C-alpha atoms as a PDB file:
ATOM      1  CA  MET A   1       5.535   0.660  11.590  1.00  0.00           C
ATOM      2  CA  ILE A   2       5.287   0.170   7.830  1.00  0.00           C
ATOM      3  CA  ARG A   3       2.024  -1.630   7.111  1.00  0.00           C
ATOM      4  CA  SER A   4       0.426  -2.972   3.967  1.00  0.00           C
ATOM      5  CA  MET A   5      -3.171  -2.104   3.124  1.00  0.00           C
ATOM      6  CA  THR A   6      -3.794  -5.662   1.898  1.00  0.00           C
ATOM      7  CA  ALA A   7      -4.512  -8.165   4.671  1.00  0.00           C
ATOM      8  CA  TYR A   8      -7.098 -10.411   6.322  1.00  0.00           C
ATOM      9  CA  GLY A   9      -8.115 -10.964   9.923  1.00  0.00           C
ATOM     10  CA  GLY A  10     -10.905 -13.038  11.385  1.00  0.00           C
ATOM     11  CA  ALA A  11     -12.099 -14.379  14.724  1.00  0.00           C
ATOM     12  CA  ARG A  12     -14.808 -16.618  16.153  1.00  0.00           C
ATOM     13  CA  VAL A  13     -16.298 -16.430  19.647  1.00  0.00           C
ATOM     14  CA  GLU A  14     -18.534 -19.076  21.200  1.00  0.00           C
ATOM     15  CA  THR A  15     -20.516 -18.723  24.438  1.00  0.00           C
ATOM     16  CA  GLU A  16     -23.651 -20.194  25.930  1.00  0.00           C
ATOM     17  CA  HIS A  17     -25.590 -17.588  23.969  1.00  0.00           C
ATOM     18  CA  GLY A  18     -24.299 -18.704  20.589  1.00  0.00           C
ATOM     19  CA  THR A  19     -21.517 -18.214  18.044  1.00  0.00           C
ATOM     20  CA  LEU A  20     -20.299 -14.981  16.460  1.00  0.00           C
ATOM     21  CA  ASN A  21     -17.887 -14.590  13.517  1.00  0.00           C
ATOM     22  CA  ILE A  22     -16.234 -11.406  12.306  1.00  0.00           C
ATOM     23  CA  GLU A  23     -13.918 -10.928   9.320  1.00  0.00           C
ATOM     24  CA  PHE A  24     -11.858  -7.944   8.123  1.00  0.00           C
ATOM     25  CA  ARG A  25     -10.574  -7.770   4.556  1.00  0.00           C
ATOM     26  CA  THR A  26      -8.508  -4.759   3.508  1.00  0.00           C
ATOM     27  CA  VAL A  27      -7.157  -3.653   0.132  1.00  0.00           C
ATOM     28  CA  ASN A  28      -5.397  -0.497  -1.011  1.00  0.00           C
ATOM     29  CA  ASN A  29      -7.334   2.743  -1.397  1.00  0.00           C
ATOM     30  CA  ARG A  30      -6.457   6.429  -1.242  1.00  0.00           C
ATOM     31  CA  TYR A  31      -8.758   7.038   1.709  1.00  0.00           C
ATOM     32  CA  LEU A  32     -10.430   5.027   4.464  1.00  0.00           C
ATOM     33  CA  ASP A  33     -13.516   3.339   3.023  1.00  0.00           C
ATOM     34  CA  VAL A  34     -15.362   0.942   5.333  1.00  0.00           C
ATOM     35  CA  ALA A  35     -18.084  -1.397   4.037  1.00  0.00           C
ATOM     36  CA  LEU A  36     -19.801  -2.961   7.057  1.00  0.00           C
ATOM     37  CA  ARG A  37     -22.052  -5.964   6.483  1.00  0.00           C
ATOM     38  CA  LEU A  38     -23.828  -6.399   9.799  1.00  0.00           C
ATOM     39  CA  PRO A  39     -27.078  -8.255  10.629  1.00  0.00           C
ATOM     40  CA  GLU A  40     -29.822  -5.944  11.806  1.00  0.00           C
ATOM     41  CA  ASP A  41     -29.970  -7.822  15.104  1.00  0.00           C
ATOM     42  CA  LEU A  42     -26.350  -6.742  15.770  1.00  0.00           C
ATOM     43  CA  ARG A  43     -26.707  -3.138  14.634  1.00  0.00           C
ATOM     44  CA  PHE A  44     -26.014  -1.985  18.215  1.00  0.00           C
ATOM     45  CA  ALA A  45     -22.380  -3.132  17.743  1.00  0.00           C
ATOM     46  CA  GLU A  46     -21.719  -0.983  14.652  1.00  0.00           C
ATOM     47  CA  GLY A  47     -20.311   2.004  16.540  1.00  0.00           C
ATOM     48  CA  MET A  48     -17.954  -0.163  18.577  1.00  0.00           C
ATOM     49  CA  ILE A  49     -16.642  -1.952  15.466  1.00  0.00           C
ATOM     50  CA  ARG A  50     -16.016   1.297  13.591  1.00  0.00           C
ATOM     51  CA  GLU A  51     -14.300   2.822  16.619  1.00  0.00           C
ATOM     52  CA  GLN A  52     -11.919  -0.103  17.123  1.00  0.00           C
ATOM     53  CA  LEU A  53     -11.177  -0.289  13.401  1.00  0.00           C
ATOM     54  CA  GLY A  54     -10.441   3.437  13.203  1.00  0.00           C
ATOM     55  CA  LYS A  55      -7.792   3.126  15.897  1.00  0.00           C
ATOM     56  CA  ILE A  56      -5.512   0.966  13.749  1.00  0.00           C
ATOM     57  CA  VAL A  57      -6.447   1.627  10.106  1.00  0.00           C
ATOM     58  CA  ILE A  58      -5.654   5.029   8.584  1.00  0.00           C
ATOM     59  CA  ARG A  59      -6.576   4.376   4.974  1.00  0.00           C
ATOM     60  CA  GLY A  60      -7.631   1.539   2.693  1.00  0.00           C
ATOM     61  CA  LYS A  61     -10.835  -0.151   1.600  1.00  0.00           C
ATOM     62  CA  VAL A  62     -12.084  -2.340   4.456  1.00  0.00           C
ATOM     63  CA  ASP A  63     -14.758  -5.005   4.071  1.00  0.00           C
ATOM     64  CA  VAL A  64     -16.229  -6.078   7.432  1.00  0.00           C
ATOM     65  CA  ARG A  65     -18.522  -9.085   7.660  1.00  0.00           C
ATOM     66  CA  VAL A  66     -20.298 -10.205  10.821  1.00  0.00           C
ATOM     67  CA  ASN A  67     -22.612 -13.172  11.254  1.00  0.00           C
ATOM     68  CA  TYR A  68     -23.945 -15.073  14.228  1.00  0.00           C
ATOM     69  CA  ALA A  69     -25.897 -18.152  15.265  1.00  0.00           C
ATOM     70  CA  ARG A  70     -27.835 -18.505  18.488  1.00  0.00           C
ATOM     71  CA  ALA A  71     -27.619 -21.451  20.806  1.00  0.00           C
ATOM     72  CA  ARG A  72     -31.277 -22.226  20.277  1.00  0.00           C
ATOM     73  CA  SER A  73     -33.655 -24.322  22.398  1.00  0.00           C
ATOM     74  CA  ALA A  74     -37.405 -24.819  22.352  1.00  0.00           C
ATOM     75  CA  ASP A  75     -37.777 -22.580  25.397  1.00  0.00           C
ATOM     76  CA  ASP A  76     -36.238 -19.660  23.517  1.00  0.00           C
ATOM     77  CA  VAL A  77     -38.794 -19.774  20.719  1.00  0.00           C
ATOM     78  CA  THR A  78     -42.376 -18.575  20.790  1.00  0.00           C
ATOM     79  CA  LEU A  79     -44.914 -19.653  18.188  1.00  0.00           C
ATOM     80  CA  ASP A  80     -47.651 -17.530  16.665  1.00  0.00           C
ATOM     81  CA  SER A  81     -50.971 -19.271  17.402  1.00  0.00           C
ATOM     82  CA  ASP A  82     -52.663 -17.676  14.382  1.00  0.00           C
ATOM     83  CA  PHE A  83     -49.871 -18.986  12.181  1.00  0.00           C
ATOM     84  CA  LEU A  84     -50.298 -22.483  13.657  1.00  0.00           C
ATOM     85  CA  ARG A  85     -54.077 -22.455  12.996  1.00  0.00           C
ATOM     86  CA  THR A  86     -53.477 -21.315   9.432  1.00  0.00           C
ATOM     87  CA  MET A  87     -50.930 -24.086   8.951  1.00  0.00           C
ATOM     88  CA  ALA A  88     -53.392 -26.660  10.332  1.00  0.00           C
ATOM     89  CA  ASP A  89     -56.122 -25.470   7.959  1.00  0.00           C
ATOM     90  CA  GLN A  90     -53.749 -25.682   5.004  1.00  0.00           C
ATOM     91  CA  LEU A  91     -52.652 -29.162   6.047  1.00  0.00           C
ATOM     92  CA  ARG A  92     -56.293 -30.284   6.260  1.00  0.00           C
ATOM     93  CA  VAL A  93     -57.011 -28.973   2.753  1.00  0.00           C
ATOM     94  CA  ALA A  94     -53.888 -30.644   1.413  1.00  0.00           C
ATOM     95  CA  ARG A  95     -54.878 -34.009   2.925  1.00  0.00           C
ATOM     96  CA  GLU A  96     -58.108 -33.946   0.990  1.00  0.00           C
ATOM     97  CA  VAL A  97     -55.969 -34.357  -2.124  1.00  0.00           C
ATOM     98  CA  ILE A  98     -53.045 -36.239  -0.560  1.00  0.00           C
ATOM     99  CA  PRO A  99     -54.514 -38.320   2.272  1.00  0.00           C
ATOM    100  CA  ASP A 100     -51.174 -39.748   3.469  1.00  0.00           C
ATOM    101  CA  LEU A 101     -49.471 -36.323   3.741  1.00  0.00           C
ATOM    102  CA  ARG A 102     -47.509 -36.229   7.012  1.00  0.00           C
ATOM    103  CA  ALA A 103     -47.647 -33.362   9.478  1.00  0.00           C
ATOM    104  CA  PRO A 104     -44.529 -31.149   9.764  1.00  0.00           C
ATOM    105  CA  ARG A 105     -42.072 -31.888  12.546  1.00  0.00           C
ATOM    106  CA  LEU A 106     -41.790 -29.572  15.515  1.00  0.00           C
ATOM    107  CA  ALA A 107     -38.239 -28.607  14.486  1.00  0.00           C
ATOM    108  CA  ASP A 108     -39.555 -27.505  11.088  1.00  0.00           C
ATOM    109  CA  VAL A 109     -42.262 -25.427  12.726  1.00  0.00           C
ATOM    110  CA  LEU A 110     -39.762 -23.822  15.108  1.00  0.00           C
ATOM    111  CA  ALA A 111     -37.570 -22.869  12.148  1.00  0.00           C
ATOM    112  CA  GLY A 112     -40.486 -21.529  10.132  1.00  0.00           C
ATOM    113  CA  PRO A 113     -41.672 -17.935   9.635  1.00  0.00           C
ATOM    114  CA  GLY A 114     -44.194 -18.231  12.447  1.00  0.00           C
ATOM    115  CA  ALA A 115     -41.461 -18.677  15.069  1.00  0.00           C
ATOM    116  CA  SER A 116     -39.963 -15.702  16.848  1.00  0.00           C
ATOM    117  CA  ASP A 117     -36.696 -15.731  18.775  1.00  0.00           C
ATOM    118  CA  GLY A 118     -36.986 -12.172  20.025  1.00  0.00           C
ATOM    119  CA  GLN A 119     -34.250  -9.559  19.888  1.00  0.00           C
ATOM    120  CA  LEU A 120     -30.644 -10.196  20.855  1.00  0.00           C
ATOM    121  CA  ASP A 121     -29.643  -9.091  24.319  1.00  0.00           C
ATOM    122  CA  PRO A 122     -26.980  -6.337  23.922  1.00  0.00           C
ATOM    123  CA  ASP A 123     -25.583  -7.093  27.385  1.00  0.00           C
ATOM    124  CA  ALA A 124     -24.786 -10.628  26.248  1.00  0.00           C
ATOM    125  CA  TRP A 125     -23.844 -10.106  22.596  1.00  0.00           C
ATOM    126  CA  LEU A 126     -21.955  -6.798  22.705  1.00  0.00           C
ATOM    127  CA  PRO A 127     -19.089  -8.281  24.791  1.00  0.00           C
ATOM    128  CA  MET A 128     -18.935 -11.151  22.296  1.00  0.00           C
ATOM    129  CA  CYS A 129     -18.676  -8.627  19.446  1.00  0.00           C
ATOM    130  CA  GLN A 130     -15.940  -6.721  21.284  1.00  0.00           C
ATOM    131  CA  GLN A 131     -13.943  -9.876  21.937  1.00  0.00           C
ATOM    132  CA  ALA A 132     -14.245 -11.124  18.352  1.00  0.00           C
ATOM    133  CA  CYS A 133     -13.446  -7.683  16.943  1.00  0.00           C
ATOM    134  CA  SER A 134     -10.324  -7.325  19.097  1.00  0.00           C
ATOM    135  CA  ARG A 135      -9.013 -10.758  18.108  1.00  0.00           C
ATOM    136  CA  ALA A 136      -9.702 -10.194  14.417  1.00  0.00           C
ATOM    137  CA  LEU A 137      -8.015  -6.790  14.449  1.00  0.00           C
ATOM    138  CA  VAL A 138      -4.931  -8.233  16.164  1.00  0.00           C
ATOM    139  CA  GLU A 139      -4.685 -10.830  13.400  1.00  0.00           C
ATOM    140  CA  LEU A 140      -5.324  -8.174  10.748  1.00  0.00           C
ATOM    141  CA  GLN A 141      -2.664  -5.862  12.153  1.00  0.00           C
ATOM    142  CA  ALA A 142      -0.085  -8.649  12.319  1.00  0.00           C
ATOM    143  CA  ALA A 143      -0.768  -9.600   8.693  1.00  0.00           C
ATOM    144  CA  ARG A 144      -0.518  -5.959   7.592  1.00  0.00           C
ATOM    145  CA  GLU A 145       2.818  -5.554   9.350  1.00  0.00           C
ATOM    146  CA  ARG A 146       4.274  -8.758   7.889  1.00  0.00           C
ATOM    147  CA  GLU A 147       3.247  -7.787   4.368  1.00  0.00           C
ATOM    148  CA  GLY A 148       4.418  -4.205   4.947  1.00  0.00           C
ATOM    149  CA  GLN A 149       7.849  -5.449   6.022  1.00  0.00           C
ATOM    150  CA  ARG A 150       8.150  -7.557   2.872  1.00  0.00           C
ATOM    151  CA  LEU A 151       7.258  -4.555   0.714  1.00  0.00           C
ATOM    152  CA  ALA A 152       9.730  -2.383   2.632  1.00  0.00           C
ATOM    153  CA  ASP A 153      12.511  -4.930   2.084  1.00  0.00           C
ATOM    154  CA  MET A 154      11.816  -4.978  -1.663  1.00  0.00           C
ATOM    155  CA  MET A 155      11.910  -1.171  -1.846  1.00  0.00           C
ATOM    156  CA  LEU A 156      15.130  -1.026   0.183  1.00  0.00           C
ATOM    157  CA  ALA A 157      16.715  -3.462  -2.273  1.00  0.00           C
ATOM    158  CA  CYS A 158      15.625  -1.203  -5.161  1.00  0.00           C
ATOM    159  CA  ALA A 159      16.970   1.835  -3.269  1.00  0.00           C
ATOM    160  CA  ALA A 160      20.351   0.117  -2.995  1.00  0.00           C
ATOM    161  CA  ASP A 161      20.358  -0.378  -6.774  1.00  0.00           C
ATOM    162  CA  VAL A 162      19.456   3.308  -7.240  1.00  0.00           C
ATOM    163  CA  ALA A 163      22.378   4.334  -5.019  1.00  0.00           C
ATOM    164  CA  GLN A 164      24.706   2.100  -7.019  1.00  0.00           C
ATOM    165  CA  ILE A 165      23.631   3.738 -10.292  1.00  0.00           C
ATOM    166  CA  VAL A 166      24.122   7.212  -8.801  1.00  0.00           C
ATOM    167  CA  ASP A 167      27.637   6.282  -7.660  1.00  0.00           C
ATOM    168  CA  GLN A 168      28.461   4.832 -11.075  1.00  0.00           C
ATOM    169  CA  VAL A 169      27.262   7.951 -12.915  1.00  0.00           C
ATOM    170  CA  GLU A 170      29.320  10.157 -10.622  1.00  0.00           C
ATOM    171  CA  THR A 171      32.381   7.954 -11.189  1.00  0.00           C
ATOM    172  CA  ASP A 172      31.927   8.097 -14.966  1.00  0.00           C
ATOM    173  CA  LEU A 173      31.632  11.897 -15.211  1.00  0.00           C
ATOM    174  CA  PRO A 174      35.406  12.708 -15.264  1.00  0.00           C
ATOM    175  CA  THR A 175      35.955  10.040 -17.936  1.00  0.00           C
ATOM    176  CA  ILE A 176      33.073  11.448 -19.994  1.00  0.00           C
ATOM    177  CA  GLN A 177      34.594  14.935 -19.715  1.00  0.00           C
ATOM    178  CA  ASN A 178      38.060  13.732 -20.775  1.00  0.00           C
ATOM    179  CA  ASP A 179      36.655  11.754 -23.703  1.00  0.00           C
ATOM    180  CA  TYR A 180      34.740  14.796 -24.901  1.00  0.00           C
ATOM    181  CA  GLN A 181      37.850  16.977 -24.631  1.00  0.00           C
ATOM    182  CA  ALA A 182      39.793  14.468 -26.722  1.00  0.00           C
ATOM    183  CA  ARG A 183      37.036  14.354 -29.337  1.00  0.00           C
ATOM    184  CA  ILE A 184      36.727  18.161 -29.559  1.00  0.00           C
ATOM    185  CA  THR A 185      40.528  18.455 -29.941  1.00  0.00           C
ATOM    186  CA  THR A 186      40.517  15.988 -32.808  1.00  0.00           C
ATOM    187  CA  ARG A 187      37.565  17.702 -34.499  1.00  0.00           C
ATOM    188  CA  LEU A 188      39.170  21.173 -34.248  1.00  0.00           C
ATOM    189  CA  ARG A 189      42.444  19.907 -35.733  1.00  0.00           C
ATOM    190  CA  GLU A 190      40.606  18.144 -38.535  1.00  0.00           C
ATOM    191  CA  ALA A 191      38.506  21.257 -39.230  1.00  0.00           C
ATOM    192  CA  LEU A 192      41.591  23.471 -39.388  1.00  0.00           C
ATOM    193  CA  GLN A 193      43.399  21.127 -41.721  1.00  0.00           C
ATOM    194  CA  ALA A 194      40.363  20.805 -43.967  1.00  0.00           C
ATOM    195  CA  ALA A 195      39.933  24.590 -44.155  1.00  0.00           C
ATOM    196  CA  ASN A 196      43.607  25.425 -44.595  1.00  0.00           C
ATOM    197  CA  PRO A 197      46.472  22.922 -44.738  1.00  0.00           C
ATOM    198  CA  GLU A 198      48.678  25.645 -43.308  1.00  0.00           C
ATOM    199  CA  GLY A 199      46.170  26.336 -40.525  1.00  0.00           C
ATOM    200  CA  PHE A 200      48.559  25.412 -37.750  1.00  0.00           C
ATOM    201  CA  ALA A 201      51.026  27.971 -39.028  1.00  0.00           C
ATOM    202  CA  ILE A 202      48.569  30.855 -38.553  1.00  0.00           C
ATOM    203  CA  ILE A 203      47.095  29.794 -35.191  1.00  0.00           C
ATOM    204  CA  SER A 204      49.142  29.524 -32.077  1.00  0.00           C
ATOM    205  CA  GLY A 205      49.089  26.652 -29.627  1.00  0.00           C
ATOM    206  CA  PRO A 206      47.695  28.800 -26.795  1.00  0.00           C
ATOM    207  CA  GLU A 207      44.814  29.934 -29.030  1.00  0.00           C
ATOM    208  CA  LEU A 208      43.964  26.358 -29.919  1.00  0.00           C
ATOM    209  CA  SER A 209      44.198  25.310 -26.287  1.00  0.00           C
ATOM    210  CA  ALA A 210      41.940  28.198 -25.256  1.00  0.00           C
ATOM    211  CA  ARG A 211      39.344  27.190 -27.842  1.00  0.00           C
ATOM    212  CA  ILE A 212      39.441  23.572 -26.679  1.00  0.00           C
ATOM    213  CA  SER A 213      39.201  24.676 -23.066  1.00  0.00           C
ATOM    214  CA  GLN A 214      36.208  26.883 -23.841  1.00  0.00           C
ATOM    215  CA  GLU A 215      34.356  24.052 -25.578  1.00  0.00           C
ATOM    216  CA  SER A 216      35.182  21.690 -22.712  1.00  0.00           C
ATOM    217  CA  VAL A 217      33.882  24.126 -20.118  1.00  0.00           C
ATOM    218  CA  LEU A 218      30.632  24.604 -22.031  1.00  0.00           C
ATOM    219  CA  PHE A 219      30.224  20.832 -22.276  1.00  0.00           C
ATOM    220  CA  ALA A 220      30.996  20.401 -18.588  1.00  0.00           C
ATOM    221  CA  LEU A 221      28.321  22.948 -17.708  1.00  0.00           C
ATOM    222  CA  ARG A 222      25.797  21.213 -19.944  1.00  0.00           C
ATOM    223  CA  ILE A 223      26.363  17.782 -18.416  1.00  0.00           C
ATOM    224  CA  ASP A 224      26.795  18.974 -14.837  1.00  0.00           C
ATOM    225  CA  VAL A 225      24.489  16.690 -12.834  1.00  0.00           C
ATOM    226  CA  ALA A 226      26.106  17.108  -9.431  1.00  0.00           C
ATOM    227  CA  GLU A 227      22.957  18.743  -8.079  1.00  0.00           C
ATOM    228  CA  GLU A 228      20.707  15.979  -9.394  1.00  0.00           C
ATOM    229  CA  LEU A 229      22.952  13.263  -7.966  1.00  0.00           C
ATOM    230  CA  SER A 230      23.056  15.034  -4.616  1.00  0.00           C
ATOM    231  CA  ARG A 231      19.275  15.263  -4.504  1.00  0.00           C
ATOM    232  CA  LEU A 232      18.897  11.613  -5.433  1.00  0.00           C
ATOM    233  CA  ARG A 233      21.193  10.662  -2.569  1.00  0.00           C
ATOM    234  CA  SER A 234      19.126  12.834  -0.232  1.00  0.00           C
ATOM    235  CA  HIS A 235      15.925  11.155  -1.429  1.00  0.00           C
ATOM    236  CA  ILE A 236      17.467   7.718  -0.914  1.00  0.00           C
ATOM    237  CA  SER A 237      18.391   8.685   2.637  1.00  0.00           C
ATOM    238  CA  GLU A 238      14.839   9.864   3.327  1.00  0.00           C
ATOM    239  CA  LEU A 239      13.451   6.669   1.795  1.00  0.00           C
ATOM    240  CA  GLN A 240      15.600   4.563   4.116  1.00  0.00           C
ATOM    241  CA  HIS A 241      14.493   6.675   7.070  1.00  0.00           C
ATOM    242  CA  ILE A 242      10.818   6.122   6.286  1.00  0.00           C
ATOM    243  CA  LEU A 243      11.178   2.400   5.632  1.00  0.00           C
ATOM    244  CA  ARG A 244      13.759   1.484   8.265  1.00  0.00           C
ATOM    245  CA  ASP A 245      14.508   4.184  10.838  1.00  0.00           C
ATOM    246  CA  GLY A 246      10.933   5.473  10.792  1.00  0.00           C
ATOM    247  CA  THR A 247       9.728   2.090  12.068  1.00  0.00           C
ATOM    248  CA  GLU A 248      11.575   2.526  15.349  1.00  0.00           C
ATOM    249  CA  SER A 249      10.366   6.094  15.854  1.00  0.00           C
ATOM    250  CA  ALA A 250       6.787   5.061  15.110  1.00  0.00           C
ATOM    251  CA  ASP A 251       6.981   2.225  17.642  1.00  0.00           C
ATOM    252  CA  ALA A 252       8.482   4.567  20.215  1.00  0.00           C
ATOM    253  CA  GLY A 253       5.694   7.047  19.605  1.00  0.00           C
ATOM    254  CA  ALA A 254       3.088   4.311  19.966  1.00  0.00           C
ATOM    255  CA  SER A 255       4.456   3.404  23.403  1.00  0.00           C
ATOM    256  CA  LYS A 256       3.931   7.030  24.450  1.00  0.00           C
ATOM    257  CA  GLY A 257       0.351   7.211  23.347  1.00  0.00           C
ATOM    258  CA  GLY A 258       0.383   6.437  19.630  1.00  0.00           C
ATOM    259  CA  ALA A 259       0.800  10.046  18.459  1.00  0.00           C
ATOM    260  CA  ALA A 260       3.636   9.209  16.083  1.00  0.00           C
ATOM    261  CA  THR A 261       1.599   6.613  14.233  1.00  0.00           C
ATOM    262  CA  ARG A 262      -1.053   9.173  13.348  1.00  0.00           C
ATOM    263  CA  LYS A 263       1.246  11.863  11.945  1.00  0.00           C
ATOM    264  CA  GLY A 264       0.689  10.789   8.381  1.00  0.00           C
ATOM    265  CA  SER A 265       0.554   8.012   5.868  1.00  0.00           C
ATOM    266  CA  ALA A 266       3.883   6.426   4.963  1.00  0.00           C
ATOM    267  CA  GLY A 267       2.419   5.444   1.588  1.00  0.00           C
ATOM    268  CA  LYS A 268       1.518   9.035   0.720  1.00  0.00           C
ATOM    269  CA  ARG A 269       4.925  10.313   1.862  1.00  0.00           C
ATOM    270  CA  LEU A 270       6.657   7.703  -0.283  1.00  0.00           C
ATOM    271  CA  ASP A 271       4.477   8.527  -3.285  1.00  0.00           C
ATOM    272  CA  PHE A 272       5.569  12.175  -3.081  1.00  0.00           C
ATOM    273  CA  LEU A 273       9.202  11.130  -2.602  1.00  0.00           C
ATOM    274  CA  PHE A 274       9.138   8.953  -5.723  1.00  0.00           C
ATOM    275  CA  GLN A 275       7.675  11.816  -7.740  1.00  0.00           C
ATOM    276  CA  GLU A 276      10.701  13.932  -6.769  1.00  0.00           C
ATOM    277  CA  MET A 277      13.121  11.095  -7.529  1.00  0.00           C
ATOM    278  CA  ASN A 278      11.535  10.618 -10.936  1.00  0.00           C
ATOM    279  CA  ARG A 279      11.937  14.348 -11.616  1.00  0.00           C
ATOM    280  CA  GLU A 280      15.676  14.122 -10.896  1.00  0.00           C
ATOM    281  CA  ALA A 281      16.011  11.026 -13.095  1.00  0.00           C
ATOM    282  CA  ASN A 282      14.333  12.884 -15.973  1.00  0.00           C
ATOM    283  CA  THR A 283      16.727  15.816 -15.577  1.00  0.00           C
ATOM    284  CA  LEU A 284      19.662  13.428 -15.437  1.00  0.00           C
ATOM    285  CA  GLY A 285      18.555  11.889 -18.720  1.00  0.00           C
ATOM    286  CA  SER A 286      18.128  15.265 -20.402  1.00  0.00           C
ATOM    287  CA  LYS A 287      21.674  16.268 -19.398  1.00  0.00           C
ATOM    288  CA  ALA A 288      23.247  12.972 -20.402  1.00  0.00           C
ATOM    289  CA  GLY A 289      26.566  13.518 -22.135  1.00  0.00           C
ATOM    290  CA  ALA A 290      27.169   9.849 -22.809  1.00  0.00           C
ATOM    291  CA  LEU A 291      25.203   6.706 -23.555  1.00  0.00           C
ATOM    292  CA  SER A 292      26.117   5.233 -20.157  1.00  0.00           C
ATOM    293  CA  VAL A 293      24.394   8.135 -18.391  1.00  0.00           C
ATOM    294  CA  THR A 294      21.312   7.718 -20.582  1.00  0.00           C
ATOM    295  CA  HIS A 295      21.154   4.037 -19.673  1.00  0.00           C
ATOM    296  CA  GLY A 296      21.609   4.945 -16.022  1.00  0.00           C
ATOM    297  CA  ALA A 297      18.717   7.414 -16.164  1.00  0.00           C
ATOM    298  CA  ILE A 298      16.461   4.789 -17.791  1.00  0.00           C
ATOM    299  CA  ASP A 299      17.381   2.215 -15.146  1.00  0.00           C
ATOM    300  CA  LEU A 300      16.665   4.779 -12.429  1.00  0.00           C
ATOM    301  CA  LYS A 301      13.195   5.453 -13.807  1.00  0.00           C
ATOM    302  CA  LEU A 302      12.430   1.727 -13.933  1.00  0.00           C
ATOM    303  CA  LEU A 303      13.536   1.192 -10.334  1.00  0.00           C
ATOM    304  CA  ILE A 304      11.612   4.240  -9.121  1.00  0.00           C
ATOM    305  CA  GLU A 305       8.466   3.009 -10.862  1.00  0.00           C
ATOM    306  CA  GLN A 306       8.864  -0.412  -9.243  1.00  0.00           C
ATOM    307  CA  MET A 307       9.129   1.205  -5.811  1.00  0.00           C
ATOM    308  CA  ARG A 308       6.174   3.481  -6.518  1.00  0.00           C
ATOM    309  CA  GLU A 309       3.992   0.511  -7.404  1.00  0.00           C
ATOM    310  CA  GLN A 310       4.933  -1.224  -4.165  1.00  0.00           C
ATOM    311  CA  ALA A 311       4.325   1.956  -2.135  1.00  0.00           C
ATOM    312  CA  GLN A 312       0.754   2.129  -3.424  1.00  0.00           C
ATOM    313  CA  ASN A 313       0.004  -0.910  -1.234  1.00  0.00           C
ATOM    314  CA  LEU A 314       1.354   0.752   1.921  1.00  0.00           C
ATOM    315  CA  GLU A 315      -0.847   2.550   4.406  1.00  0.00           C
END
């Protein structure tokens, strides 16, 4: 499946122990780069989160944020007696200056630095982390696939335009050859007449035809782009396979154990493919025998660059 590297997925889980939130934000990157922002109390869930993430994300910069809130009660909190005595002494000193100063509420004391909730129970919180992580990754994967499909559709539309340009260049080649032959015939006749008004009396028709034929053959060899057009068509076919047919093969491989989805990055394969297409477009431009071919080569390079920019967002 073609997937974008830019997506978001989040989930929230609530139990009698409390509430846990997890968010995944991904953007494009050449390699897999995971930034995990995890409270120290939940550090025991780090390995599980990285393992689940690694099963679905091949490359990209991933920002993971986890936060939680306990379902707190007075029975869950213990107070430091030394801290309470210190607070009482400070309150007594303060009342010597401010006699009507009120004592702090119990809720304020329970939320203060002298209160201790104890460590989180991994047996209770790890399943919550697993559940939230699974839900968030499902949402993330769905968003990546939707965005990837949109990018694939845009590149397929560009590929269709590339194929149309290739067909047009191939159609124009015989006309370009005939026009050149007509121009070289006119130039040779004009050159002969300028050099010697009686030039046609001392040169035979077959000799003139042979000279014109020779020049035409040399021109045809110089503008021969059949190989470049053939390679561009081959690259277009491979592009369609990666973006369209490759989706089905990847899904089939996933149903057999997911091996096909780990064979390589579609984004990297496309990046290499566009480099080759750009090379052929450059050669086509250098061999251009007419302005229409030059324009076609420029349009090809623009379309290839557009597709390359979109492919940089694919995994």
